N, C-alpha and C. Protein backbone atom coordinates (compact mmCIF):
# COMPACT_ATOMS: atom_id res chain seq x y z
N MET A 1 1.20 103.11 -49.66
CA MET A 1 0.01 102.41 -49.19
C MET A 1 0.14 100.90 -49.42
N LYS A 2 0.75 100.51 -50.55
CA LYS A 2 0.90 99.08 -50.83
C LYS A 2 1.81 98.40 -49.81
N ILE A 3 2.83 99.10 -49.39
CA ILE A 3 3.75 98.53 -48.40
C ILE A 3 3.01 98.26 -47.10
N LYS A 4 2.15 99.18 -46.72
CA LYS A 4 1.39 99.01 -45.48
C LYS A 4 0.46 97.79 -45.60
N ALA A 5 -0.19 97.64 -46.74
CA ALA A 5 -1.10 96.50 -46.95
C ALA A 5 -0.34 95.19 -46.94
N VAL A 6 0.80 95.17 -47.59
CA VAL A 6 1.62 93.95 -47.62
C VAL A 6 2.12 93.62 -46.22
N SER A 7 2.53 94.62 -45.49
CA SER A 7 3.01 94.40 -44.12
C SER A 7 1.90 93.85 -43.22
N LEU A 8 0.71 94.41 -43.35
CA LEU A 8 -0.41 93.93 -42.56
C LEU A 8 -0.79 92.50 -42.94
N ALA A 9 -0.73 92.18 -44.22
CA ALA A 9 -1.04 90.81 -44.67
C ALA A 9 0.00 89.84 -44.13
N ALA A 10 1.26 90.21 -44.16
CA ALA A 10 2.33 89.35 -43.65
C ALA A 10 2.17 89.13 -42.15
N LEU A 11 1.82 90.18 -41.44
CA LEU A 11 1.62 90.08 -40.00
C LEU A 11 0.44 89.16 -39.69
N ALA A 12 -0.64 89.31 -40.43
CA ALA A 12 -1.82 88.47 -40.21
C ALA A 12 -1.50 87.01 -40.51
N PHE A 13 -0.77 86.77 -41.59
CA PHE A 13 -0.41 85.40 -41.95
C PHE A 13 0.47 84.78 -40.88
N SER A 14 1.44 85.51 -40.39
CA SER A 14 2.34 84.95 -39.38
C SER A 14 1.59 84.67 -38.07
N ALA A 15 0.62 85.50 -37.75
CA ALA A 15 -0.16 85.28 -36.54
C ALA A 15 -1.04 84.04 -36.66
N LEU A 16 -1.57 83.82 -37.85
CA LEU A 16 -2.45 82.67 -38.07
C LEU A 16 -1.67 81.39 -38.31
N ALA A 17 -0.57 81.47 -39.02
CA ALA A 17 0.18 80.27 -39.39
C ALA A 17 1.17 79.86 -38.32
N GLY A 18 1.56 80.73 -37.45
CA GLY A 18 2.55 80.42 -36.42
C GLY A 18 2.22 79.19 -35.60
N PRO A 19 1.05 79.13 -34.99
CA PRO A 19 0.71 77.93 -34.21
C PRO A 19 0.62 76.67 -35.06
N ALA A 20 0.19 76.81 -36.29
CA ALA A 20 0.07 75.65 -37.16
C ALA A 20 1.45 75.10 -37.53
N LEU A 21 2.45 75.94 -37.53
CA LEU A 21 3.80 75.52 -37.89
C LEU A 21 4.56 74.94 -36.71
N ALA A 22 4.03 75.09 -35.52
CA ALA A 22 4.71 74.57 -34.34
C ALA A 22 4.74 73.05 -34.41
N GLY A 23 5.85 72.48 -33.99
CA GLY A 23 5.99 71.04 -34.05
C GLY A 23 5.48 70.35 -32.80
N ALA A 24 5.51 69.05 -32.85
CA ALA A 24 5.04 68.25 -31.72
C ALA A 24 5.91 68.47 -30.49
N LEU A 25 7.19 68.71 -30.68
CA LEU A 25 8.09 68.91 -29.55
C LEU A 25 7.91 70.29 -28.92
N ASP A 26 7.21 71.18 -29.60
CA ASP A 26 6.99 72.51 -29.06
C ASP A 26 5.72 72.61 -28.22
N ALA A 27 4.85 71.61 -28.32
CA ALA A 27 3.57 71.64 -27.61
C ALA A 27 3.70 70.94 -26.26
N VAL A 28 3.55 71.71 -25.21
CA VAL A 28 3.69 71.18 -23.85
C VAL A 28 2.67 70.07 -23.60
N ASP A 29 1.45 70.25 -24.10
CA ASP A 29 0.42 69.24 -23.88
C ASP A 29 0.78 67.91 -24.52
N ASP A 30 1.53 67.94 -25.63
CA ASP A 30 1.93 66.71 -26.29
C ASP A 30 3.03 65.98 -25.52
N LEU A 31 3.86 66.72 -24.82
CA LEU A 31 4.99 66.12 -24.12
C LEU A 31 4.71 65.78 -22.65
N ALA A 32 3.73 66.40 -22.06
CA ALA A 32 3.45 66.21 -20.63
C ALA A 32 3.28 64.74 -20.22
N PRO A 33 2.62 63.89 -21.01
CA PRO A 33 2.46 62.49 -20.57
C PRO A 33 3.77 61.71 -20.43
N PHE A 34 4.85 62.23 -20.95
CA PHE A 34 6.14 61.54 -20.92
C PHE A 34 6.96 61.88 -19.68
N TYR A 35 6.51 62.85 -18.90
CA TYR A 35 7.28 63.33 -17.76
C TYR A 35 6.56 63.02 -16.44
N THR A 36 7.35 62.87 -15.38
CA THR A 36 6.79 62.54 -14.07
C THR A 36 6.29 63.76 -13.32
N ASP A 37 6.73 64.94 -13.71
CA ASP A 37 6.39 66.15 -12.97
C ASP A 37 5.93 67.25 -13.90
N SER A 38 5.26 68.25 -13.33
CA SER A 38 4.73 69.35 -14.14
C SER A 38 5.83 70.25 -14.68
N SER A 39 7.02 70.22 -14.09
CA SER A 39 8.13 71.04 -14.59
C SER A 39 8.79 70.38 -15.79
N MET A 40 8.40 69.15 -16.08
CA MET A 40 8.90 68.39 -17.23
C MET A 40 10.42 68.30 -17.23
N LYS A 41 10.95 67.94 -16.08
CA LYS A 41 12.40 67.76 -15.94
C LYS A 41 12.79 66.29 -15.87
N THR A 42 11.88 65.43 -15.40
CA THR A 42 12.20 64.02 -15.20
C THR A 42 11.30 63.15 -16.09
N LEU A 43 11.95 62.40 -16.99
CA LEU A 43 11.19 61.51 -17.85
C LEU A 43 10.69 60.30 -17.06
N LYS A 44 9.57 59.76 -17.50
CA LYS A 44 9.05 58.53 -16.89
C LYS A 44 9.98 57.38 -17.24
N PRO A 45 9.96 56.31 -16.44
CA PRO A 45 10.76 55.12 -16.78
C PRO A 45 10.32 54.58 -18.15
N MET A 46 11.22 53.86 -18.81
CA MET A 46 10.97 53.43 -20.18
C MET A 46 9.65 52.69 -20.38
N PRO A 47 9.24 51.77 -19.50
CA PRO A 47 7.94 51.11 -19.75
C PRO A 47 6.76 52.10 -19.77
N GLU A 48 6.78 53.09 -18.89
CA GLU A 48 5.73 54.10 -18.86
C GLU A 48 5.87 55.05 -20.05
N PHE A 49 7.11 55.38 -20.40
CA PHE A 49 7.37 56.23 -21.56
C PHE A 49 6.82 55.56 -22.82
N LYS A 50 7.11 54.25 -22.95
CA LYS A 50 6.64 53.49 -24.11
C LYS A 50 5.11 53.48 -24.16
N ALA A 51 4.46 53.27 -23.02
CA ALA A 51 3.00 53.26 -22.97
C ALA A 51 2.43 54.62 -23.39
N ALA A 52 3.04 55.70 -22.93
CA ALA A 52 2.58 57.05 -23.31
C ALA A 52 2.80 57.29 -24.80
N PHE A 53 3.93 56.81 -25.32
CA PHE A 53 4.24 56.99 -26.74
C PHE A 53 3.25 56.21 -27.61
N MET A 54 3.00 54.96 -27.24
CA MET A 54 2.10 54.12 -28.03
C MET A 54 0.64 54.57 -27.91
N ALA A 55 0.31 55.33 -26.87
CA ALA A 55 -1.04 55.85 -26.71
C ALA A 55 -1.32 57.03 -27.66
N LYS A 56 -0.26 57.63 -28.17
CA LYS A 56 -0.42 58.73 -29.12
C LYS A 56 -0.92 58.17 -30.45
N PRO A 57 -1.72 58.95 -31.19
CA PRO A 57 -2.13 58.49 -32.52
C PRO A 57 -0.90 58.32 -33.42
N LYS A 58 -0.99 57.40 -34.36
CA LYS A 58 0.16 57.10 -35.23
C LYS A 58 0.72 58.35 -35.93
N PRO A 59 -0.12 59.25 -36.47
CA PRO A 59 0.45 60.45 -37.11
C PRO A 59 1.27 61.30 -36.13
N MET A 60 0.83 61.37 -34.86
CA MET A 60 1.58 62.13 -33.86
C MET A 60 2.90 61.44 -33.55
N ARG A 61 2.88 60.11 -33.41
CA ARG A 61 4.13 59.37 -33.16
C ARG A 61 5.11 59.59 -34.31
N GLU A 62 4.61 59.56 -35.54
CA GLU A 62 5.48 59.77 -36.70
C GLU A 62 6.06 61.18 -36.71
N MET A 63 5.24 62.17 -36.34
CA MET A 63 5.73 63.55 -36.29
C MET A 63 6.81 63.70 -35.22
N ILE A 64 6.58 63.10 -34.07
CA ILE A 64 7.57 63.17 -32.99
C ILE A 64 8.87 62.52 -33.44
N MET A 65 8.78 61.36 -34.10
CA MET A 65 9.98 60.67 -34.56
C MET A 65 10.72 61.49 -35.61
N ARG A 66 9.98 62.13 -36.53
CA ARG A 66 10.62 62.98 -37.54
C ARG A 66 11.36 64.13 -36.88
N GLU A 67 10.71 64.76 -35.91
CA GLU A 67 11.33 65.91 -35.25
C GLU A 67 12.55 65.48 -34.42
N CYS A 68 12.49 64.29 -33.84
CA CYS A 68 13.64 63.81 -33.08
C CYS A 68 14.81 63.43 -34.00
N ASN A 69 14.54 63.15 -35.25
CA ASN A 69 15.61 62.86 -36.20
C ASN A 69 16.20 64.12 -36.82
N ASP A 70 15.60 65.27 -36.56
CA ASP A 70 16.10 66.56 -37.03
C ASP A 70 17.04 67.11 -35.96
N ALA A 71 18.30 67.24 -36.29
CA ALA A 71 19.31 67.64 -35.31
C ALA A 71 18.97 68.95 -34.60
N ALA A 72 18.44 69.92 -35.34
CA ALA A 72 18.13 71.21 -34.74
C ALA A 72 16.98 71.10 -33.74
N MET A 73 16.00 70.28 -34.04
CA MET A 73 14.85 70.13 -33.14
C MET A 73 15.19 69.26 -31.95
N SER A 74 15.96 68.22 -32.17
CA SER A 74 16.20 67.25 -31.10
C SER A 74 17.17 67.73 -30.04
N LYS A 75 18.02 68.67 -30.36
CA LYS A 75 19.05 69.10 -29.41
C LYS A 75 18.47 69.54 -28.05
N PRO A 76 17.44 70.38 -28.02
CA PRO A 76 16.90 70.77 -26.71
C PRO A 76 16.17 69.63 -26.00
N TYR A 77 15.84 68.59 -26.73
CA TYR A 77 15.09 67.46 -26.18
C TYR A 77 15.91 66.18 -26.29
N ALA A 78 17.19 66.26 -26.04
CA ALA A 78 18.10 65.13 -26.28
C ALA A 78 17.69 63.87 -25.53
N GLU A 79 17.40 63.97 -24.25
CA GLU A 79 17.04 62.79 -23.47
C GLU A 79 15.71 62.21 -23.95
N PHE A 80 14.73 63.10 -24.19
CA PHE A 80 13.43 62.67 -24.70
C PHE A 80 13.60 61.96 -26.05
N CYS A 81 14.35 62.56 -26.94
CA CYS A 81 14.54 61.99 -28.28
C CYS A 81 15.35 60.69 -28.24
N ALA A 82 16.24 60.55 -27.28
CA ALA A 82 16.97 59.28 -27.14
C ALA A 82 15.99 58.16 -26.83
N ASN A 83 15.01 58.44 -25.97
CA ASN A 83 13.98 57.44 -25.68
C ASN A 83 13.11 57.16 -26.90
N VAL A 84 12.73 58.22 -27.61
CA VAL A 84 11.91 58.05 -28.81
C VAL A 84 12.67 57.22 -29.84
N ASN A 85 13.93 57.53 -30.04
CA ASN A 85 14.73 56.78 -31.01
C ASN A 85 14.91 55.32 -30.60
N ALA A 86 14.95 55.06 -29.31
CA ALA A 86 15.03 53.67 -28.83
C ALA A 86 13.75 52.92 -29.17
N LEU A 87 12.64 53.64 -29.23
CA LEU A 87 11.36 53.03 -29.59
C LEU A 87 11.10 53.09 -31.10
N GLY A 88 12.02 53.62 -31.85
CA GLY A 88 11.85 53.88 -33.27
C GLY A 88 11.35 52.72 -34.11
N GLY A 89 11.71 51.52 -33.76
CA GLY A 89 11.30 50.36 -34.56
C GLY A 89 9.88 49.91 -34.28
N MET A 90 9.25 50.52 -33.29
CA MET A 90 7.89 50.09 -32.92
C MET A 90 6.87 50.88 -33.71
N LYS A 91 5.93 50.19 -34.27
CA LYS A 91 4.88 50.86 -35.07
C LYS A 91 3.54 50.71 -34.39
């Protein structure tokens, strides 16, 4: 019986904590302003990219920059992170 209770608690925790653990690069709504199309295949030109980046709240910009500096996170978003890293000195 204890195993069942522990399993159910772990399942409930993972269901509740999963979205909270998702990073900024995992949220489509957070990345959409940086792309020209809904398929999110083409990044906006750098001036528009910069404007979209600077429009984000500072904590979100910092989270995006942290995730782009993490090799595992940045790999699927290489082009996006290259632009973010180019803006890295801007606060």
